[in-house]
Amino acid sequence: RDLAAMPPPVHRSRSSDSLAMSFAGGNTITPEQVVNQ
């Protein structure tokens, strides 16, 4: 029930200096996600 709803792992790059950040999934993080996480 619950694990199927979890997003897939994020593929990360280690080469960038400035980061478009996320917590999970491939979308850019929002302030609301910061609070919820």
ModelCIF file with pLDDT and N, C-alpha, C, O atoms, coordinates in Angstrom:
data_MODEL
#
_entry.id   MODEL 
#
_entity.id                         1 
_entity.type                       polymer 
_entity.pdbx_number_of_molecules   1 
#
_entity_poly.entity_id                      1 
_entity_poly.type                           'polypeptide(L)' 
_entity_poly.nstd_linkage                   no 
_entity_poly.nstd_monomer                   no 
_entity_poly.pdbx_seq_one_letter_code       RDLAAMPPPVHRSRSSDSLAMSFAGGNTITPEQVVNQ 
_entity_poly.pdbx_seq_one_letter_code_can   RDLAAMPPPVHRSRSSDSLAMSFAGGNTITPEQVVNQ 
_entity_poly.pdbx_strand_id                 A 
#
loop_
_entity_poly_seq.entity_id 
_entity_poly_seq.num 
_entity_poly_seq.mon_id 
_entity_poly_seq.hetero 
1 1  ARG n 
1 2  ASP n 
1 3  LEU n 
1 4  ALA n 
1 5  ALA n 
1 6  MET n 
1 7  PRO n 
1 8  PRO n 
1 9  PRO n 
1 10 VAL n 
1 11 HIS n 
1 12 ARG n 
1 13 SER n 
1 14 ARG n 
1 15 SER n 
1 16 SER n 
1 17 ASP n 
1 18 SER n 
1 19 LEU n 
1 20 ALA n 
1 21 MET n 
1 22 SER n 
1 23 PHE n 
1 24 ALA n 
1 25 GLY n 
1 26 GLY n 
1 27 ASN n 
1 28 THR n 
1 29 ILE n 
1 30 THR n 
1 31 PRO n 
1 32 GLU n 
1 33 GLN n 
1 34 VAL n 
1 35 VAL n 
1 36 ASN n 
1 37 GLN n 
#
_struct_asym.id          A 
_struct_asym.entity_id   1 
#
loop_
_ma_qa_metric.id 
_ma_qa_metric.mode 
_ma_qa_metric.name 
_ma_qa_metric.software_group_id 
_ma_qa_metric.type 
1 global pLDDT . pLDDT 
2 local  pLDDT . pLDDT 
#
_ma_qa_metric_global.metric_id      1 
_ma_qa_metric_global.metric_value   52.84 
_ma_qa_metric_global.model_id       1 
_ma_qa_metric_global.ordinal_id     1 
#
loop_
_ma_qa_metric_local.label_asym_id 
_ma_qa_metric_local.label_comp_id 
_ma_qa_metric_local.label_seq_id 
_ma_qa_metric_local.metric_id 
_ma_qa_metric_local.metric_value 
_ma_qa_metric_local.model_id 
_ma_qa_metric_local.ordinal_id 
A ARG 1  2 46.00 1 1  
A ASP 2  2 49.00 1 2  
A LEU 3  2 46.00 1 3  
A ALA 4  2 43.00 1 4  
A ALA 5  2 45.00 1 5  
A MET 6  2 45.00 1 6  
A PRO 7  2 43.00 1 7  
A PRO 8  2 41.00 1 8  
A PRO 9  2 39.00 1 9  
A VAL 10 2 38.00 1 10 
A HIS 11 2 36.00 1 11 
A ARG 12 2 37.00 1 12 
A SER 13 2 37.00 1 13 
A ARG 14 2 36.00 1 14 
A SER 15 2 35.00 1 15 
A SER 16 2 38.00 1 16 
A ASP 17 2 43.00 1 17 
A SER 18 2 47.00 1 18 
A LEU 19 2 47.00 1 19 
A ALA 20 2 48.00 1 20 
A MET 21 2 52.00 1 21 
A SER 22 2 57.00 1 22 
A PHE 23 2 54.00 1 23 
A ALA 24 2 49.00 1 24 
A GLY 25 2 47.00 1 25 
A GLY 26 2 46.00 1 26 
A ASN 27 2 50.00 1 27 
A THR 28 2 62.00 1 28 
A ILE 29 2 72.00 1 29 
A THR 30 2 76.00 1 30 
A PRO 31 2 78.00 1 31 
A GLU 32 2 79.00 1 32 
A GLN 33 2 77.00 1 33 
A VAL 34 2 80.00 1 34 
A VAL 35 2 81.00 1 35 
A ASN 36 2 78.00 1 36 
A GLN 37 2 78.00 1 37 
#
loop_
_atom_site.group_PDB 
_atom_site.id 
_atom_site.type_symbol 
_atom_site.label_atom_id 
_atom_site.label_alt_id 
_atom_site.label_comp_id 
_atom_site.label_asym_id 
_atom_site.label_entity_id 
_atom_site.label_seq_id 
_atom_site.pdbx_PDB_ins_code 
_atom_site.Cartn_x 
_atom_site.Cartn_y 
_atom_site.Cartn_z 
_atom_site.occupancy 
_atom_site.B_iso_or_equiv 
_atom_site.pdbx_formal_charge 
_atom_site.auth_seq_id 
_atom_site.auth_comp_id 
_atom_site.auth_asym_id 
_atom_site.auth_atom_id 
_atom_site.pdbx_PDB_model_num 
ATOM 1   N N  . ARG A 1 1  ? 0.805  -1.210 0.000   1.00 46.00 ? 1  ARG A N  1 
ATOM 2   C CA . ARG A 1 1  ? 0.000  0.000  0.000   1.00 46.00 ? 1  ARG A CA 1 
ATOM 3   C C  . ARG A 1 1  ? 0.846  1.273  0.000   1.00 46.00 ? 1  ARG A C  1 
ATOM 4   O O  . ARG A 1 1  ? 0.611  2.189  -0.787  1.00 46.00 ? 1  ARG A O  1 
ATOM 5   N N  . ASP A 1 2  ? 1.833  1.312  0.895   1.00 49.00 ? 2  ASP A N  1 
ATOM 6   C CA . ASP A 1 2  ? 2.584  2.556  1.078   1.00 49.00 ? 2  ASP A CA 1 
ATOM 7   C C  . ASP A 1 2  ? 3.863  2.615  0.255   1.00 49.00 ? 2  ASP A C  1 
ATOM 8   O O  . ASP A 1 2  ? 4.206  3.663  -0.292  1.00 49.00 ? 2  ASP A O  1 
ATOM 9   N N  . LEU A 1 3  ? 4.567  1.493  0.166   1.00 46.00 ? 3  LEU A N  1 
ATOM 10  C CA . LEU A 1 3  ? 5.854  1.536  -0.530  1.00 46.00 ? 3  LEU A CA 1 
ATOM 11  C C  . LEU A 1 3  ? 5.686  1.773  -2.016  1.00 46.00 ? 3  LEU A C  1 
ATOM 12  O O  . LEU A 1 3  ? 6.564  2.351  -2.657  1.00 46.00 ? 3  LEU A O  1 
ATOM 13  N N  . ALA A 1 4  ? 4.557  1.330  -2.576  1.00 43.00 ? 4  ALA A N  1 
ATOM 14  C CA . ALA A 1 4  ? 4.335  1.546  -4.008  1.00 43.00 ? 4  ALA A CA 1 
ATOM 15  C C  . ALA A 1 4  ? 4.204  3.022  -4.333  1.00 43.00 ? 4  ALA A C  1 
ATOM 16  O O  . ALA A 1 4  ? 4.488  3.457  -5.449  1.00 43.00 ? 4  ALA A O  1 
ATOM 17  N N  . ALA A 1 5  ? 3.761  3.800  -3.319  1.00 45.00 ? 5  ALA A N  1 
ATOM 18  C CA . ALA A 1 5  ? 3.571  5.233  -3.542  1.00 45.00 ? 5  ALA A CA 1 
ATOM 19  C C  . ALA A 1 5  ? 4.857  6.026  -3.379  1.00 45.00 ? 5  ALA A C  1 
ATOM 20  O O  . ALA A 1 5  ? 4.898  7.213  -3.703  1.00 45.00 ? 5  ALA A O  1 
ATOM 21  N N  . MET A 1 6  ? 5.903  5.386  -2.880  1.00 45.00 ? 6  MET A N  1 
ATOM 22  C CA . MET A 1 6  ? 7.158  6.107  -2.685  1.00 45.00 ? 6  MET A CA 1 
ATOM 23  C C  . MET A 1 6  ? 7.825  6.384  -4.030  1.00 45.00 ? 6  MET A C  1 
ATOM 24  O O  . MET A 1 6  ? 7.788  5.541  -4.925  1.00 45.00 ? 6  MET A O  1 
ATOM 25  N N  . PRO A 1 7  ? 8.432  7.553  -4.176  1.00 43.00 ? 7  PRO A N  1 
ATOM 26  C CA . PRO A 1 7  ? 9.079  7.883  -5.443  1.00 43.00 ? 7  PRO A CA 1 
ATOM 27  C C  . PRO A 1 7  ? 10.323 7.052  -5.666  1.00 43.00 ? 7  PRO A C  1 
ATOM 28  O O  . PRO A 1 7  ? 10.914 6.553  -4.708  1.00 43.00 ? 7  PRO A O  1 
ATOM 29  N N  . PRO A 1 8  ? 10.733 6.894  -6.920  1.00 41.00 ? 8  PRO A N  1 
ATOM 30  C CA . PRO A 1 8  ? 11.948 6.137  -7.219  1.00 41.00 ? 8  PRO A CA 1 
ATOM 31  C C  . PRO A 1 8  ? 13.180 6.876  -6.746  1.00 41.00 ? 8  PRO A C  1 
ATOM 32  O O  . PRO A 1 8  ? 13.119 8.085  -6.519  1.00 41.00 ? 8  PRO A O  1 
ATOM 33  N N  . PRO A 1 9  ? 14.299 6.183  -6.590  1.00 39.00 ? 9  PRO A N  1 
ATOM 34  C CA . PRO A 1 9  ? 15.528 6.851  -6.160  1.00 39.00 ? 9  PRO A CA 1 
ATOM 35  C C  . PRO A 1 9  ? 15.958 7.931  -7.140  1.00 39.00 ? 9  PRO A C  1 
ATOM 36  O O  . PRO A 1 9  ? 15.682 7.859  -8.338  1.00 39.00 ? 9  PRO A O  1 
ATOM 37  N N  . VAL A 1 10 ? 16.642 8.937  -6.599  1.00 38.00 ? 10 VAL A N  1 
ATOM 38  C CA . VAL A 1 10 ? 17.100 10.054 -7.414  1.00 38.00 ? 10 VAL A CA 1 
ATOM 39  C C  . VAL A 1 10 ? 18.473 9.749  -7.984  1.00 38.00 ? 10 VAL A C  1 
ATOM 40  O O  . VAL A 1 10 ? 19.348 9.265  -7.267  1.00 38.00 ? 10 VAL A O  1 
ATOM 41  N N  . HIS A 1 11 ? 18.669 10.026 -9.261  1.00 36.00 ? 11 HIS A N  1 
ATOM 42  C CA . HIS A 1 11 ? 19.991 9.911  -9.875  1.00 36.00 ? 11 HIS A CA 1 
ATOM 43  C C  . HIS A 1 11 ? 20.707 11.237 -9.703  1.00 36.00 ? 11 HIS A C  1 
ATOM 44  O O  . HIS A 1 11 ? 20.237 12.275 -10.169 1.00 36.00 ? 11 HIS A O  1 
ATOM 45  N N  . ARG A 1 12 ? 21.848 11.194 -9.029  1.00 37.00 ? 12 ARG A N  1 
ATOM 46  C CA . ARG A 1 12 ? 22.504 12.431 -8.627  1.00 37.00 ? 12 ARG A CA 1 
ATOM 47  C C  . ARG A 1 12 ? 23.782 12.671 -9.415  1.00 37.00 ? 12 ARG A C  1 
ATOM 48  O O  . ARG A 1 12 ? 24.485 11.742 -9.811  1.00 37.00 ? 12 ARG A O  1 
ATOM 49  N N  . SER A 1 13 ? 24.051 13.938 -9.623  1.00 37.00 ? 13 SER A N  1 
ATOM 50  C CA . SER A 1 13 ? 25.328 14.326 -10.224 1.00 37.00 ? 13 SER A CA 1 
ATOM 51  C C  . SER A 1 13 ? 26.225 14.883 -9.148  1.00 37.00 ? 13 SER A C  1 
ATOM 52  O O  . SER A 1 13 ? 25.763 15.613 -8.271  1.00 37.00 ? 13 SER A O  1 
ATOM 53  N N  . ARG A 1 14 ? 27.513 14.549 -9.201  1.00 36.00 ? 14 ARG A N  1 
ATOM 54  C CA . ARG A 1 14 ? 28.435 15.058 -8.192  1.00 36.00 ? 14 ARG A CA 1 
ATOM 55  C C  . ARG A 1 14 ? 29.345 16.127 -8.777  1.00 36.00 ? 14 ARG A C  1 
ATOM 56  O O  . ARG A 1 14 ? 30.337 16.501 -8.151  1.00 36.00 ? 14 ARG A O  1 
ATOM 57  N N  . SER A 1 15 ? 29.023 16.627 -9.972  1.00 35.00 ? 15 SER A N  1 
ATOM 58  C CA . SER A 1 15 ? 29.977 17.513 -10.644 1.00 35.00 ? 15 SER A CA 1 
ATOM 59  C C  . SER A 1 15 ? 29.596 18.984 -10.591 1.00 35.00 ? 15 SER A C  1 
ATOM 60  O O  . SER A 1 15 ? 30.391 19.826 -11.008 1.00 35.00 ? 15 SER A O  1 
ATOM 61  N N  . SER A 1 16 ? 28.415 19.325 -10.098 1.00 38.00 ? 16 SER A N  1 
ATOM 62  C CA . SER A 1 16 ? 27.969 20.715 -10.191 1.00 38.00 ? 16 SER A CA 1 
ATOM 63  C C  . SER A 1 16 ? 28.279 21.484 -8.929  1.00 38.00 ? 16 SER A C  1 
ATOM 64  O O  . SER A 1 16 ? 28.279 20.926 -7.832  1.00 38.00 ? 16 SER A O  1 
ATOM 65  N N  . ASP A 1 17 ? 28.542 22.757 -9.086  1.00 43.00 ? 17 ASP A N  1 
ATOM 66  C CA . ASP A 1 17 ? 28.804 23.630 -7.949  1.00 43.00 ? 17 ASP A CA 1 
ATOM 67  C C  . ASP A 1 17 ? 27.520 24.242 -7.422  1.00 43.00 ? 17 ASP A C  1 
ATOM 68  O O  . ASP A 1 17 ? 27.328 24.335 -6.209  1.00 43.00 ? 17 ASP A O  1 
ATOM 69  N N  . SER A 1 18 ? 26.645 24.658 -8.314  1.00 47.00 ? 18 SER A N  1 
ATOM 70  C CA . SER A 1 18 ? 25.348 25.183 -7.911  1.00 47.00 ? 18 SER A CA 1 
ATOM 71  C C  . SER A 1 18 ? 24.312 24.106 -8.162  1.00 47.00 ? 18 SER A C  1 
ATOM 72  O O  . SER A 1 18 ? 24.298 23.500 -9.233  1.00 47.00 ? 18 SER A O  1 
ATOM 73  N N  . LEU A 1 19 ? 23.465 23.864 -7.216  1.00 47.00 ? 19 LEU A N  1 
ATOM 74  C CA . LEU A 1 19 ? 22.621 22.681 -7.244  1.00 47.00 ? 19 LEU A CA 1 
ATOM 75  C C  . LEU A 1 19 ? 21.145 23.047 -7.340  1.00 47.00 ? 19 LEU A C  1 
ATOM 76  O O  . LEU A 1 19 ? 20.646 23.862 -6.565  1.00 47.00 ? 19 LEU A O  1 
ATOM 77  N N  . ALA A 1 20 ? 20.451 22.433 -8.301  1.00 48.00 ? 20 ALA A N  1 
ATOM 78  C CA . ALA A 1 20 ? 18.995 22.461 -8.254  1.00 48.00 ? 20 ALA A CA 1 
ATOM 79  C C  . ALA A 1 20 ? 18.612 21.320 -7.335  1.00 48.00 ? 20 ALA A C  1 
ATOM 80  O O  . ALA A 1 20 ? 18.809 20.154 -7.676  1.00 48.00 ? 20 ALA A O  1 
ATOM 81  N N  . MET A 1 21 ? 18.064 21.644 -6.167  1.00 52.00 ? 21 MET A N  1 
ATOM 82  C CA . MET A 1 21 ? 17.941 20.648 -5.115  1.00 52.00 ? 21 MET A CA 1 
ATOM 83  C C  . MET A 1 21 ? 16.584 19.963 -5.122  1.00 52.00 ? 21 MET A C  1 
ATOM 84  O O  . MET A 1 21 ? 15.578 20.529 -5.549  1.00 52.00 ? 21 MET A O  1 
ATOM 85  N N  . SER A 1 22 ? 16.585 18.719 -4.633  1.00 57.00 ? 22 SER A N  1 
ATOM 86  C CA . SER A 1 22 ? 15.336 18.009 -4.386  1.00 57.00 ? 22 SER A CA 1 
ATOM 87  C C  . SER A 1 22 ? 15.541 17.093 -3.204  1.00 57.00 ? 22 SER A C  1 
ATOM 88  O O  . SER A 1 22 ? 16.675 16.802 -2.822  1.00 57.00 ? 22 SER A O  1 
ATOM 89  N N  . PHE A 1 23 ? 14.431 16.634 -2.617  1.00 54.00 ? 23 PHE A N  1 
ATOM 90  C CA . PHE A 1 23 ? 14.507 15.649 -1.550  1.00 54.00 ? 23 PHE A CA 1 
ATOM 91  C C  . PHE A 1 23 ? 14.244 14.259 -2.086  1.00 54.00 ? 23 PHE A C  1 
ATOM 92  O O  . PHE A 1 23 ? 14.886 13.300 -1.656  1.00 54.00 ? 23 PHE A O  1 
ATOM 93  N N  . ALA A 1 24 ? 13.312 14.131 -3.018  1.00 49.00 ? 24 ALA A N  1 
ATOM 94  C CA . ALA A 1 24 ? 12.986 12.826 -3.583  1.00 49.00 ? 24 ALA A CA 1 
ATOM 95  C C  . ALA A 1 24 ? 12.323 13.059 -4.917  1.00 49.00 ? 24 ALA A C  1 
ATOM 96  O O  . ALA A 1 24 ? 11.660 14.077 -5.119  1.00 49.00 ? 24 ALA A O  1 
ATOM 97  N N  . GLY A 1 25 ? 12.497 12.120 -5.835  1.00 47.00 ? 25 GLY A N  1 
ATOM 98  C CA . GLY A 1 25 ? 11.935 12.306 -7.157  1.00 47.00 ? 25 GLY A CA 1 
ATOM 99  C C  . GLY A 1 25 ? 12.795 13.227 -7.978  1.00 47.00 ? 25 GLY A C  1 
ATOM 100 O O  . GLY A 1 25 ? 13.874 13.617 -7.531  1.00 47.00 ? 25 GLY A O  1 
ATOM 101 N N  . GLY A 1 26 ? 12.352 13.591 -9.172  1.00 46.00 ? 26 GLY A N  1 
ATOM 102 C CA . GLY A 1 26 ? 13.174 14.372 -10.073 1.00 46.00 ? 26 GLY A CA 1 
ATOM 103 C C  . GLY A 1 26 ? 12.801 15.829 -10.137 1.00 46.00 ? 26 GLY A C  1 
ATOM 104 O O  . GLY A 1 26 ? 13.337 16.556 -10.973 1.00 46.00 ? 26 GLY A O  1 
ATOM 105 N N  . ASN A 1 27 ? 11.897 16.290 -9.282  1.00 50.00 ? 27 ASN A N  1 
ATOM 106 C CA . ASN A 1 27 ? 11.437 17.675 -9.363  1.00 50.00 ? 27 ASN A CA 1 
ATOM 107 C C  . ASN A 1 27 ? 12.255 18.566 -8.455  1.00 50.00 ? 27 ASN A C  1 
ATOM 108 O O  . ASN A 1 27 ? 12.753 18.128 -7.418  1.00 50.00 ? 27 ASN A O  1 
ATOM 109 N N  . THR A 1 28 ? 12.392 19.837 -8.856  1.00 62.00 ? 28 THR A N  1 
ATOM 110 C CA . THR A 1 28 ? 13.091 20.801 -8.024  1.00 62.00 ? 28 THR A CA 1 
ATOM 111 C C  . THR A 1 28 ? 12.318 20.999 -6.723  1.00 62.00 ? 28 THR A C  1 
ATOM 112 O O  . THR A 1 28 ? 11.088 21.039 -6.724  1.00 62.00 ? 28 THR A O  1 
ATOM 113 N N  . ILE A 1 29 ? 13.040 21.121 -5.625  1.00 72.00 ? 29 ILE A N  1 
ATOM 114 C CA . ILE A 1 29 ? 12.408 21.238 -4.321  1.00 72.00 ? 29 ILE A CA 1 
ATOM 115 C C  . ILE A 1 29 ? 11.714 22.581 -4.165  1.00 72.00 ? 29 ILE A C  1 
ATOM 116 O O  . ILE A 1 29 ? 12.167 23.593 -4.699  1.00 72.00 ? 29 ILE A O  1 
ATOM 117 N N  . THR A 1 30 ? 10.609 22.578 -3.427  1.00 76.00 ? 30 THR A N  1 
ATOM 118 C CA . THR A 1 30 ? 9.864  23.794 -3.098  1.00 76.00 ? 30 THR A CA 1 
ATOM 119 C C  . THR A 1 30 ? 10.037 24.084 -1.615  1.00 76.00 ? 30 THR A C  1 
ATOM 120 O O  . THR A 1 30 ? 10.404 23.189 -0.853  1.00 76.00 ? 30 THR A O  1 
ATOM 121 N N  . PRO A 1 31 ? 9.776  25.329 -1.189  1.00 78.00 ? 31 PRO A N  1 
ATOM 122 C CA . PRO A 1 31 ? 9.862  25.632 0.244   1.00 78.00 ? 31 PRO A CA 1 
ATOM 123 C C  . PRO A 1 31 ? 8.939  24.754 1.088   1.00 78.00 ? 31 PRO A C  1 
ATOM 124 O O  . PRO A 1 31 ? 9.289  24.370 2.204   1.00 78.00 ? 31 PRO A O  1 
ATOM 125 N N  . GLU A 1 32 ? 7.766  24.440 0.555   1.00 79.00 ? 32 GLU A N  1 
ATOM 126 C CA . GLU A 1 32 ? 6.834  23.585 1.287   1.00 79.00 ? 32 GLU A CA 1 
ATOM 127 C C  . GLU A 1 32 ? 7.431  22.204 1.532   1.00 79.00 ? 32 GLU A C  1 
ATOM 128 O O  . GLU A 1 32 ? 7.213  21.601 2.583   1.00 79.00 ? 32 GLU A O  1 
ATOM 129 N N  . GLN A 1 33 ? 8.193  21.703 0.542   1.00 77.00 ? 33 GLN A N  1 
ATOM 130 C CA . GLN A 1 33 ? 8.834  20.406 0.718   1.00 77.00 ? 33 GLN A CA 1 
ATOM 131 C C  . GLN A 1 33 ? 9.922  20.453 1.775   1.00 77.00 ? 33 GLN A C  1 
ATOM 132 O O  . GLN A 1 33 ? 10.136 19.483 2.501   1.00 77.00 ? 33 GLN A O  1 
ATOM 133 N N  . VAL A 1 34 ? 10.611 21.589 1.858   1.00 80.00 ? 34 VAL A N  1 
ATOM 134 C CA . VAL A 1 34 ? 11.627 21.738 2.901   1.00 80.00 ? 34 VAL A CA 1 
ATOM 135 C C  . VAL A 1 34 ? 10.982 21.569 4.270   1.00 80.00 ? 34 VAL A C  1 
ATOM 136 O O  . VAL A 1 34 ? 11.486 20.830 5.116   1.00 80.00 ? 34 VAL A O  1 
ATOM 137 N N  . VAL A 1 35 ? 9.855  22.264 4.483   1.00 81.00 ? 35 VAL A N  1 
ATOM 138 C CA . VAL A 1 35 ? 9.164  22.183 5.769   1.00 81.00 ? 35 VAL A CA 1 
ATOM 139 C C  . VAL A 1 35 ? 8.669  20.766 6.025   1.00 81.00 ? 35 VAL A C  1 
ATOM 140 O O  . VAL A 1 35 ? 8.826  20.240 7.127   1.00 81.00 ? 35 VAL A O  1 
ATOM 141 N N  . ASN A 1 36 ? 8.073  20.147 5.007   1.00 78.00 ? 36 ASN A N  1 
ATOM 142 C CA . ASN A 1 36 ? 7.498  18.808 5.194   1.00 78.00 ? 36 ASN A CA 1 
ATOM 143 C C  . ASN A 1 36 ? 8.565  17.746 5.424   1.00 78.00 ? 36 ASN A C  1 
ATOM 144 O O  . ASN A 1 36 ? 8.292  16.720 6.048   1.00 78.00 ? 36 ASN A O  1 
ATOM 145 N N  . GLN A 1 37 ? 9.792  17.982 4.923   1.00 78.00 ? 37 GLN A N  1 
ATOM 146 C CA . GLN A 1 37 ? 10.842 16.988 5.075   1.00 78.00 ? 37 GLN A CA 1 
ATOM 147 C C  . GLN A 1 37 ? 11.641 17.152 6.354   1.00 78.00 ? 37 GLN A C  1 
ATOM 148 O O  . GLN A 1 37 ? 12.562 16.377 6.610   1.00 78.00 ? 37 GLN A O  1 
#
